[in-house]
């Protein structure tokens, strides 16, 4: 890694493409795939991941913020981009300027966008989110049909898509999710009967793609699964997903500490005997969670080395007593494999009391991203 970076994330673009292809095989060729690349592509790098998705056949990309979409346009990406979080009214003009597709759920925003599109002599596509139980953004289900009938009358607006979202699709045979699917299907039938035009209906996130075949509709929105992590327990398929990200750093100091030496802020670790430690230049400012203090391992020379003491902003200390030949410059793996051992984002999430999404998206900009192509080996 460049010397000015304390750690690096190695992102295997071929592994990402392989996972995207797996999603397409699961849902079938007739179903569109909308790769979700929000939050810096779940920490993997917005532009390289998006470019890989497009090369893999993606016809629409999903982001959360207007700024993410503009970054993609500035990178030369012309593929349609769906901005999934309702934008502030003052940035609607950017959707016209950069040819972006917003996800809108209120009449005032749609009318404002329609006026801007009319002035620009354009027709603005929109997707309408229907709240079937997520309880966040969206048109309330009970008034959805009436609202959509009103929205279709706004000039220079094209209702390109309708969608919904599932809060508990990671649970198999979940009655709440099954109810959402049923409700969304009923709404689509009502729309067709009322003559409300749309091009695609989409609902399934990564978990629903795996667990609910009836939720696939016209397109799916895979996120976590594309980055090599199953959103639920699917033991029979674990071997078919490829890990996309590896996170590593290097040993910058090796020390011998005496018995009863304390380590880290608040002295939360006390050595029970003489120990050998390694200092690693990574901390919570890089996304290595404070909750991993005295509660995680790293891999060095094919061995697990426990984290000792509190995770600092920029450093951690690990126990290398069992590795007498460790020296400065040795690789320390934070996420990834070393020999026969592996530390996963799921493991760190469980230890930190959070979810893999949180671990991946939390990997900071101080971590150098290196992009590789490797069609044969796991990242």
Protein backbone atom coordinates (compact mmCIF):
# COMPACT_ATOMS: atom_id res chain seq x y z
CA UNK A 1 0.00 0.00 0.00
CA UNK A 2 1.18 3.60 -0.46
CA UNK A 3 3.17 4.53 2.64
CA UNK A 4 0.90 7.45 3.49
CA UNK A 5 -2.05 5.11 4.14
CA UNK A 6 -2.21 3.16 7.43
CA UNK A 7 -4.23 0.28 5.96
CA UNK A 8 -5.82 -0.88 2.73
CA UNK A 9 -8.93 -2.63 1.53
CA UNK A 10 -8.29 -4.93 -1.41
CA UNK A 11 -11.45 -5.07 -3.52
CA UNK A 12 -11.80 -7.95 -5.97
CA UNK A 13 -13.91 -6.64 -8.85
CA UNK A 14 -14.17 -10.06 -10.49
CA UNK A 15 -15.60 -11.46 -7.27
CA UNK A 16 -18.20 -8.70 -7.29
CA UNK A 17 -19.09 -9.47 -10.91
CA UNK A 18 -19.34 -13.17 -10.04
CA UNK A 19 -21.78 -12.46 -7.21
CA UNK A 20 -23.86 -10.21 -9.45
CA UNK A 21 -24.03 -13.01 -12.01
CA UNK A 22 -25.13 -15.40 -9.27
CA UNK A 23 -28.00 -13.06 -8.38
CA UNK A 24 -29.06 -13.03 -12.02
CA UNK A 25 -29.04 -16.84 -12.08
CA UNK A 26 -31.11 -16.99 -8.91
CA UNK A 27 -33.81 -14.61 -10.17
CA UNK A 28 -33.72 -15.65 -13.82
CA UNK A 29 -32.96 -13.75 -17.00
CA UNK A 30 -36.43 -12.23 -17.24
CA UNK A 31 -35.93 -10.26 -14.02
CA UNK A 32 -33.96 -7.01 -14.05
CA UNK A 33 -31.17 -6.44 -11.55
CA UNK A 34 -30.64 -3.01 -9.95
CA UNK A 35 -27.29 -3.18 -8.11
CA UNK A 36 -27.28 -1.03 -4.98
CA UNK A 37 -24.08 1.02 -4.80
CA UNK A 38 -25.01 3.55 -2.13
CA UNK A 39 -22.72 4.39 0.80
CA UNK A 40 -19.59 4.25 -1.37
CA UNK A 41 -20.76 0.86 -2.66
CA UNK A 42 -21.02 -0.45 0.90
CA UNK A 43 -17.49 0.79 1.57
CA UNK A 44 -15.99 -0.88 -1.51
CA UNK A 45 -15.67 2.20 -3.74
CA UNK A 46 -18.53 3.83 -5.64
CA UNK A 47 -17.04 4.37 -9.08
CA UNK A 48 -15.12 1.08 -9.62
CA UNK A 49 -17.98 -1.06 -8.32
CA UNK A 50 -20.54 0.83 -10.42
CA UNK A 51 -18.42 0.48 -13.54
CA UNK A 52 -18.11 -3.25 -12.88
CA UNK A 53 -21.88 -3.53 -12.42
CA UNK A 54 -22.48 -1.82 -15.76
CA UNK A 55 -19.97 -4.09 -17.53
CA UNK A 56 -21.89 -6.99 -15.99
CA UNK A 57 -25.10 -5.79 -17.64
CA UNK A 58 -26.76 -3.50 -15.08
CA UNK A 59 -29.20 -1.12 -16.75
CA UNK A 60 -30.03 0.88 -13.60
CA UNK A 61 -27.96 1.69 -10.49
CA UNK A 62 -29.33 2.46 -7.02
CA UNK A 63 -27.83 5.15 -4.77
CA UNK A 64 -29.12 6.98 -1.71
CA UNK A 65 -28.01 10.56 -2.23
CA UNK A 66 -27.88 13.05 -5.08
CA UNK A 67 -24.18 13.61 -4.43
CA UNK A 68 -23.46 9.92 -5.06
CA UNK A 69 -25.29 10.10 -8.37
CA UNK A 70 -23.40 13.22 -9.43
CA UNK A 71 -20.11 11.51 -8.61
CA UNK A 72 -21.08 8.74 -11.01
CA UNK A 73 -22.01 11.22 -13.73
CA UNK A 74 -18.70 13.04 -13.22
CA UNK A 75 -16.96 9.68 -13.64
CA UNK A 76 -18.51 9.39 -17.08
CA UNK A 77 -21.26 6.92 -16.21
CA UNK A 78 -24.36 7.50 -18.36
CA UNK A 79 -26.44 4.57 -17.10
CA UNK A 80 -29.75 5.57 -15.49
CA UNK A 81 -29.37 6.16 -11.74
CA UNK A 82 -32.15 5.78 -9.17
CA UNK A 83 -31.78 8.05 -6.12
CA UNK A 84 -33.69 6.18 -3.44
CA UNK A 85 -33.86 8.70 -0.59
CA UNK A 86 -36.37 11.58 -0.99
CA UNK A 87 -34.31 14.64 -1.99
CA UNK A 88 -34.68 18.10 -0.46
CA UNK A 89 -36.85 20.30 -2.67
CA UNK A 90 -33.96 22.66 -3.38
CA UNK A 91 -31.93 19.99 -5.20
CA UNK A 92 -34.67 18.76 -7.53
CA UNK A 93 -33.23 20.80 -10.39
CA UNK A 94 -30.12 18.61 -10.25
CA UNK A 95 -32.25 15.65 -11.31
CA UNK A 96 -33.04 17.45 -14.54
CA UNK A 97 -29.48 18.68 -15.05
CA UNK A 98 -27.83 15.29 -14.47
CA UNK A 99 -30.65 13.12 -15.85
CA UNK A 100 -31.30 11.31 -12.58
CA UNK A 101 -34.35 9.35 -11.46
CA UNK A 102 -35.73 10.22 -8.03
CA UNK A 103 -37.82 8.05 -5.75
CA UNK A 104 -40.68 10.38 -4.81
CA UNK A 105 -43.78 9.91 -2.70
CA UNK A 106 -45.41 13.34 -2.32
CA UNK A 107 -47.41 15.44 -4.75
CA UNK A 108 -45.58 18.71 -4.05
CA UNK A 109 -42.19 17.31 -5.04
CA UNK A 110 -43.57 15.63 -8.15
CA UNK A 111 -45.32 18.82 -9.26
CA UNK A 112 -42.16 20.85 -8.67
CA UNK A 113 -40.11 18.36 -10.69
CA UNK A 114 -42.74 18.38 -13.43
CA UNK A 115 -42.52 22.16 -13.71
CA UNK A 116 -38.73 22.00 -14.00
CA UNK A 117 -38.96 19.24 -16.60
CA UNK A 118 -41.46 21.28 -18.60
CA UNK A 119 -39.14 24.28 -18.56
CA UNK A 120 -36.30 22.06 -19.78
CA UNK A 121 -38.58 20.45 -22.41
CA UNK A 122 -37.98 17.06 -20.84
CA UNK A 123 -40.02 14.24 -19.34
CA UNK A 124 -38.70 13.30 -15.90
CA UNK A 125 -38.90 9.64 -14.86
CA UNK A 126 -39.75 8.87 -11.23
CA UNK A 127 -40.18 5.79 -9.07
CA UNK A 128 -42.87 5.83 -6.38
CA UNK A 129 -42.20 4.07 -3.08
CA UNK A 130 -45.24 2.43 -1.48
CA UNK A 131 -45.06 1.86 2.27
CA UNK A 132 -46.43 -1.64 2.84
CA UNK A 133 -44.99 -1.90 6.33
CA UNK A 134 -41.42 -0.58 6.48
CA UNK A 135 -42.67 2.59 8.15
CA UNK A 136 -40.11 4.93 6.59
CA UNK A 137 -40.55 6.91 3.39
CA UNK A 138 -43.32 6.24 0.93
CA UNK A 139 -46.95 6.65 0.06
CA UNK A 140 -49.19 5.10 2.70
CA UNK A 141 -50.70 1.90 1.34
CA UNK A 142 -54.30 2.92 1.99
CA UNK A 143 -53.99 6.07 -0.13
CA UNK A 144 -51.54 4.67 -2.68
CA UNK A 145 -53.96 4.11 -5.56
CA UNK A 146 -55.55 7.54 -5.22
CA UNK A 147 -52.16 9.24 -4.95
CA UNK A 148 -50.77 7.42 -7.98
CA UNK A 149 -53.83 8.43 -10.00
CA UNK A 150 -53.09 12.04 -9.12
CA UNK A 151 -49.37 11.74 -9.83
CA UNK A 152 -49.93 10.36 -13.31
CA UNK A 153 -51.74 13.56 -14.22
CA UNK A 154 -48.69 15.77 -13.53
CA UNK A 155 -47.32 17.01 -16.84
CA UNK A 156 -43.81 16.05 -17.94
CA UNK A 157 -43.65 13.25 -15.35
CA UNK A 158 -43.32 9.56 -16.20
CA UNK A 159 -44.09 7.03 -13.45
CA UNK A 160 -41.36 4.67 -14.55
CA UNK A 161 -41.40 2.43 -11.48
CA UNK A 162 -43.31 1.50 -8.35
CA UNK A 163 -41.64 -0.23 -5.45
CA UNK A 164 -41.75 -1.23 -1.82
CA UNK A 165 -39.29 -2.47 0.81
CA UNK A 166 -39.22 -5.32 3.32
CA UNK A 167 -38.00 -4.92 6.92
CA UNK A 168 -37.83 -8.64 7.79
CA UNK A 169 -37.23 -10.61 4.59
CA UNK A 170 -34.24 -12.30 6.22
CA UNK A 171 -36.76 -14.40 8.16
CA UNK A 172 -38.05 -17.42 6.22
CA UNK A 173 -41.83 -17.73 5.93
CA UNK A 174 -42.31 -14.46 7.79
CA UNK A 175 -46.03 -13.63 7.92
CA UNK A 176 -45.35 -9.89 7.86
CA UNK A 177 -43.27 -10.13 4.67
CA UNK A 178 -45.82 -12.43 3.05
CA UNK A 179 -48.49 -9.85 3.85
CA UNK A 180 -46.41 -7.10 2.25
CA UNK A 181 -45.96 -9.12 -0.93
CA UNK A 182 -49.68 -9.82 -1.10
CA UNK A 183 -50.52 -6.15 -0.56
CA UNK A 184 -48.07 -4.96 -3.22
CA UNK A 185 -49.45 -7.47 -5.73
CA UNK A 186 -52.96 -6.22 -5.05
CA UNK A 187 -51.90 -2.63 -5.63
CA UNK A 188 -50.27 -3.51 -8.95
CA UNK A 189 -53.48 -5.20 -10.08
CA UNK A 190 -55.45 -2.12 -9.05
CA UNK A 191 -53.03 0.12 -10.96
CA UNK A 192 -53.40 -1.96 -14.10
CA UNK A 193 -57.19 -1.96 -13.76
CA UNK A 194 -57.18 1.82 -13.30
CA UNK A 195 -54.92 2.29 -16.32
CA UNK A 196 -52.00 3.79 -14.36
CA UNK A 197 -48.93 3.15 -16.52
CA UNK A 198 -45.58 2.01 -15.13
CA UNK A 199 -42.60 0.12 -16.54
CA UNK A 200 -41.15 -1.84 -13.62
CA UNK A 201 -42.24 -2.96 -10.18
CA UNK A 202 -39.50 -3.87 -7.71
CA UNK A 203 -39.40 -4.91 -4.07
CA UNK A 204 -36.82 -7.61 -3.31
CA UNK A 205 -33.64 -6.75 -1.45
CA UNK A 206 -30.85 -9.32 -0.97
CA UNK A 207 -32.75 -11.27 1.69
CA UNK A 208 -35.98 -11.41 -0.31
CA UNK A 209 -34.09 -12.59 -3.40
CA UNK A 210 -33.00 -15.63 -1.39
CA UNK A 211 -36.15 -16.28 0.63
CA UNK A 212 -39.19 -15.03 -1.30
CA UNK A 213 -39.59 -15.98 -4.96
CA UNK A 214 -42.96 -14.23 -5.08
CA UNK A 215 -41.29 -10.90 -4.35
CA UNK A 216 -39.15 -10.71 -7.50
CA UNK A 217 -41.66 -8.82 -9.70
CA UNK A 218 -39.95 -7.07 -12.67
CA UNK A 219 -36.64 -6.24 -10.98
CA UNK A 220 -34.68 -6.81 -7.76
CA UNK A 221 -32.36 -4.57 -5.72
CA UNK A 222 -29.40 -6.65 -4.48
CA UNK A 223 -26.98 -5.02 -2.08
CA UNK A 224 -25.13 -7.04 0.57
CA UNK A 225 -25.26 -10.27 -1.42
CA UNK A 226 -23.23 -8.71 -4.24
CA UNK A 227 -20.43 -7.94 -1.82
CA UNK A 228 -20.08 -11.59 -0.85
CA UNK A 229 -22.19 -11.79 2.29
CA UNK A 230 -25.42 -13.77 2.54
CA UNK A 231 -28.17 -11.66 4.15
CA UNK A 232 -29.48 -14.75 5.93
CA UNK A 233 -28.31 -18.25 6.77
CA UNK A 234 -28.13 -20.26 3.53
CA UNK A 235 -25.61 -22.96 4.36
CA UNK A 236 -26.07 -24.88 1.12
CA UNK A 237 -24.99 -21.90 -0.97
CA UNK A 238 -22.19 -20.37 1.08
CA UNK A 239 -19.50 -21.80 -1.21
CA UNK A 240 -20.97 -20.10 -4.29
CA UNK A 241 -20.56 -16.53 -3.04
CA UNK A 242 -17.16 -14.88 -3.27
CA UNK A 243 -15.77 -12.45 -0.71
CA UNK A 244 -15.12 -9.11 -2.37
CA UNK A 245 -13.19 -7.16 0.27
CA UNK A 246 -10.03 -7.90 2.22
CA UNK A 247 -8.80 -5.38 4.83
CA UNK A 248 -5.21 -5.45 5.99
CA UNK A 249 -2.56 -3.33 7.63
CA UNK A 250 1.07 -3.82 8.70
CA UNK A 251 2.92 -4.18 11.98
CA UNK A 252 4.67 -0.90 12.80
CA UNK A 253 6.22 -1.82 16.15
CA UNK A 254 6.92 -4.95 18.18
CA UNK A 255 7.42 -4.70 21.95
CA UNK A 256 8.16 -6.86 24.97
CA UNK A 257 5.97 -5.94 27.96
CA UNK A 258 6.45 -7.09 31.52
CA UNK A 259 3.93 -8.80 33.74
CA UNK A 260 1.24 -6.41 35.02
CA UNK A 261 1.86 -3.93 32.19
CA UNK A 262 -1.34 -2.16 31.18
CA UNK A 263 -2.43 -1.42 27.63
CA UNK A 264 -4.60 1.31 26.15
CA UNK A 265 -6.87 4.05 27.42
CA UNK A 266 -8.32 3.40 30.88
CA UNK A 267 -5.89 0.48 31.22
CA UNK A 268 -8.54 -2.08 30.36
CA UNK A 269 -5.98 -4.82 29.77
CA UNK A 270 -3.34 -5.97 32.28
CA UNK A 271 -0.72 -8.51 31.26
CA UNK A 272 -0.81 -11.67 33.38
CA UNK A 273 2.80 -12.38 32.50
CA UNK A 274 5.52 -11.18 30.10
CA UNK A 275 4.01 -10.73 26.64
CA UNK A 276 5.07 -9.73 23.16
CA UNK A 277 2.85 -7.19 21.41
CA UNK A 278 2.52 -5.70 17.95
CA UNK A 279 1.21 -2.21 17.24
CA UNK A 280 -1.04 -1.81 14.18
CA UNK A 281 -1.78 1.64 12.70
CA UNK A 282 -5.55 1.31 12.46
CA UNK A 283 -8.33 2.39 14.80
CA UNK A 284 -11.89 3.56 15.07
CA UNK A 285 -11.17 6.57 12.83
CA UNK A 286 -10.59 3.98 10.08
CA UNK A 287 -13.72 2.02 10.92
CA UNK A 288 -12.20 -0.57 13.24
CA UNK A 289 -14.86 -0.38 15.92
CA UNK A 290 -14.23 0.73 19.48
CA UNK A 291 -16.53 -2.13 20.54
CA UNK A 292 -13.80 -4.52 19.39
CA UNK A 293 -11.63 -3.47 22.35
CA UNK A 294 -10.43 -6.67 24.06
CA UNK A 295 -12.96 -8.38 21.85
CA UNK A 296 -11.47 -9.31 18.47
CA UNK A 297 -8.59 -10.99 16.70
CA UNK A 298 -6.42 -10.16 13.70
CA UNK A 299 -4.54 -12.69 11.59
CA UNK A 300 -0.74 -12.56 11.43
CA UNK A 301 1.33 -15.33 9.89
CA UNK A 302 -1.67 -17.65 9.85
CA UNK A 303 -2.43 -17.25 13.58
CA UNK A 304 -5.17 -15.45 15.48
CA UNK A 305 -3.75 -12.60 17.56
CA UNK A 306 -6.13 -11.08 20.15
CA UNK A 307 -6.69 -7.33 20.36
CA UNK A 308 -5.44 -6.11 23.74
CA UNK A 309 -6.90 -3.05 25.43
CA UNK A 310 -9.05 -0.31 24.01
CA UNK A 311 -9.16 0.40 20.30
CA UNK A 312 -7.68 3.87 19.88
CA UNK A 313 -8.54 6.38 17.20
CA UNK A 314 -5.49 5.40 15.13
CA UNK A 315 -3.92 2.28 16.67
CA UNK A 316 -4.57 -1.11 18.16
CA UNK A 317 -2.28 -3.47 20.07
CA UNK A 318 -2.38 -7.23 19.52
CA UNK A 319 -0.81 -10.18 21.30
CA UNK A 320 1.94 -11.88 19.24
CA UNK A 321 3.54 -13.82 22.09
CA UNK A 322 2.98 -17.06 20.17
CA UNK A 323 4.76 -15.63 17.12
CA UNK A 324 8.40 -14.95 18.07
CA UNK A 325 9.42 -14.10 14.51
CA UNK A 326 6.87 -11.34 13.86
CA UNK A 327 8.56 -8.10 12.83
CA UNK A 328 7.76 -4.65 11.51
CA UNK A 329 6.23 -4.77 8.06
CA UNK A 330 4.41 -8.07 8.57
CA UNK A 331 0.85 -8.13 7.19
CA UNK A 332 -2.01 -8.14 9.70
CA UNK A 333 -5.39 -9.17 8.29
CA UNK A 334 -8.43 -7.45 9.78
CA UNK A 335 -10.97 -8.93 7.35
CA UNK A 336 -9.99 -11.80 5.09
CA UNK A 337 -8.03 -15.02 5.06
CA UNK A 338 -4.51 -15.93 6.14
CA UNK A 339 -3.62 -19.56 5.61
CA UNK A 340 -6.48 -21.74 6.80
CA UNK A 341 -8.05 -19.04 8.97
CA UNK A 342 -10.53 -16.30 8.12
CA UNK A 343 -11.99 -13.25 9.83
CA UNK A 344 -15.22 -12.05 8.24
CA UNK A 345 -17.25 -8.88 8.41
CA UNK A 346 -19.95 -11.02 10.00
CA UNK A 347 -17.58 -12.04 12.82
CA UNK A 348 -16.59 -8.44 13.53
CA UNK A 349 -20.24 -7.39 13.43
CA UNK A 350 -21.24 -10.06 15.94
CA UNK A 351 -18.41 -9.12 18.29
CA UNK A 352 -19.20 -5.41 17.99
CA UNK A 353 -22.93 -5.94 18.47
CA UNK A 354 -23.89 -4.63 15.06
CA UNK A 355 -24.53 -5.87 11.49
CA UNK A 356 -22.17 -6.55 8.55
CA UNK A 357 -23.57 -3.55 6.65
CA UNK A 358 -22.36 -1.32 9.47
CA UNK A 359 -18.87 -2.83 9.45
CA UNK A 360 -18.40 -2.52 5.67
CA UNK A 361 -19.83 0.97 5.23
CA UNK A 362 -17.84 2.13 8.24
CA UNK A 363 -14.47 1.47 6.62
CA UNK A 364 -13.19 5.01 6.32
CA UNK A 365 -11.67 7.07 3.54
CA UNK A 366 -8.28 6.89 5.27
CA UNK A 367 -8.19 3.24 4.20
CA UNK A 368 -6.63 2.93 0.74
CA UNK A 369 -8.73 0.98 -1.79
CA UNK A 370 -6.79 -1.30 -4.10
CA UNK A 371 -8.72 -2.86 -6.98
CA UNK A 372 -7.78 -6.25 -8.35
CA UNK A 373 -9.06 -8.72 -10.92
CA UNK A 374 -8.80 -12.34 -9.91
CA UNK A 375 -11.08 -14.85 -11.57
CA UNK A 376 -9.72 -17.90 -9.80
CA UNK A 377 -9.00 -17.06 -6.19
CA UNK A 378 -11.16 -15.76 -3.37
CA UNK A 379 -10.53 -12.14 -2.41
